[in-house]
Amino acid sequence: MERNAQEELKAHLMETNEEFRKLAGQHSEYARKLEALEAHPHLTYDEQLEETQLKKMKLRLKDQMEAILIHHRS
């Protein structure tokens, strides 16, 4: 799918699909938390665990959002 069309579909889903909007919001929150952790010069063991968990949760949300996009493309 053309990138512009994909962005338009995402924007449409953000306006019309509550589940997609919720997933996108959570994804953004995890991204902000990761940015804050990555700003530290050194991470503690607990921070490293949190970073790993956030990355996994963020990826899971991205996969769920992609599944919604695929469903709406067809």
Protein backbone atom coordinates (compact mmCIF):
# COMPACT_ATOMS: atom_id res chain seq x y z
CA MET A 1 0.00 0.00 0.00
CA GLU A 2 1.22 3.45 -0.83
CA ARG A 3 2.64 5.24 2.22
CA ASN A 4 0.29 8.22 1.83
CA ALA A 5 -2.76 5.93 1.63
CA GLN A 6 -1.56 4.08 4.73
CA GLU A 7 -1.20 7.34 6.64
CA GLU A 8 -4.69 8.37 5.53
CA LEU A 9 -6.09 5.04 6.74
CA LYS A 10 -4.33 5.47 10.09
CA ALA A 11 -5.77 8.98 10.44
CA HIS A 12 -9.23 7.69 9.56
CA LEU A 13 -8.96 4.89 12.12
CA MET A 14 -7.75 7.34 14.78
CA GLU A 15 -10.97 9.28 14.23
CA THR A 16 -13.40 6.38 13.85
CA ASN A 17 -12.03 3.28 15.63
CA GLU A 18 -11.90 3.42 19.41
CA GLU A 19 -9.76 0.28 19.72
CA PHE A 20 -7.17 1.58 17.25
CA ARG A 21 -7.10 4.94 19.04
CA LYS A 22 -6.61 3.22 22.41
CA LEU A 23 -3.80 1.03 21.07
CA ALA A 24 -2.10 4.04 19.45
CA GLY A 25 -2.31 5.96 22.71
CA GLN A 26 -0.75 3.12 24.68
CA HIS A 27 1.94 2.74 22.00
CA SER A 28 2.80 6.44 22.30
CA GLU A 29 2.93 6.22 26.09
CA TYR A 30 5.35 3.29 25.94
CA ALA A 31 7.45 5.20 23.39
CA ARG A 32 7.66 8.20 25.77
CA LYS A 33 8.71 5.95 28.64
CA LEU A 34 11.37 4.32 26.46
CA GLU A 35 12.72 7.71 25.42
CA ALA A 36 13.01 8.71 29.07
CA LEU A 37 14.90 5.52 29.90
CA GLU A 38 17.17 5.83 26.88
CA ALA A 39 18.09 9.35 27.96
CA HIS A 40 19.91 7.88 30.97
CA PRO A 41 23.63 7.35 30.38
CA HIS A 42 23.51 4.04 32.28
CA LEU A 43 20.55 1.87 33.15
CA THR A 44 20.18 -0.09 36.35
CA TYR A 45 19.25 -3.75 36.10
CA ASP A 46 15.61 -2.89 36.89
CA GLU A 47 15.63 -0.15 34.25
CA GLN A 48 17.04 -2.60 31.71
CA LEU A 49 14.21 -5.03 32.51
CA GLU A 50 11.67 -2.24 32.19
CA GLU A 51 13.18 -1.21 28.86
CA THR A 52 12.91 -4.76 27.54
CA GLN A 53 9.32 -5.10 28.74
CA LEU A 54 8.33 -1.76 27.22
CA LYS A 55 9.84 -2.72 23.88
CA LYS A 56 7.92 -6.02 23.86
CA MET A 57 4.64 -4.36 24.84
CA LYS A 58 5.16 -1.62 22.25
CA LEU A 59 5.80 -4.22 19.55
CA ARG A 60 2.71 -6.20 20.58
CA LEU A 61 0.59 -3.05 20.28
CA LYS A 62 2.10 -2.30 16.88
CA ASP A 63 1.18 -5.81 15.72
CA GLN A 64 -2.39 -5.34 16.95
CA MET A 65 -2.64 -1.99 15.17
CA GLU A 66 -1.27 -3.55 11.97
CA ALA A 67 -3.90 -6.31 12.18
CA ILE A 68 -6.63 -3.65 12.33
CA LEU A 69 -5.05 -1.85 9.34
CA ILE A 70 -4.95 -5.07 7.31
CA HIS A 71 -8.58 -5.80 8.18
CA HIS A 72 -9.67 -2.32 7.01
CA ARG A 73 -7.60 -2.44 3.81
CA SER A 74 -9.55 -5.44 2.53
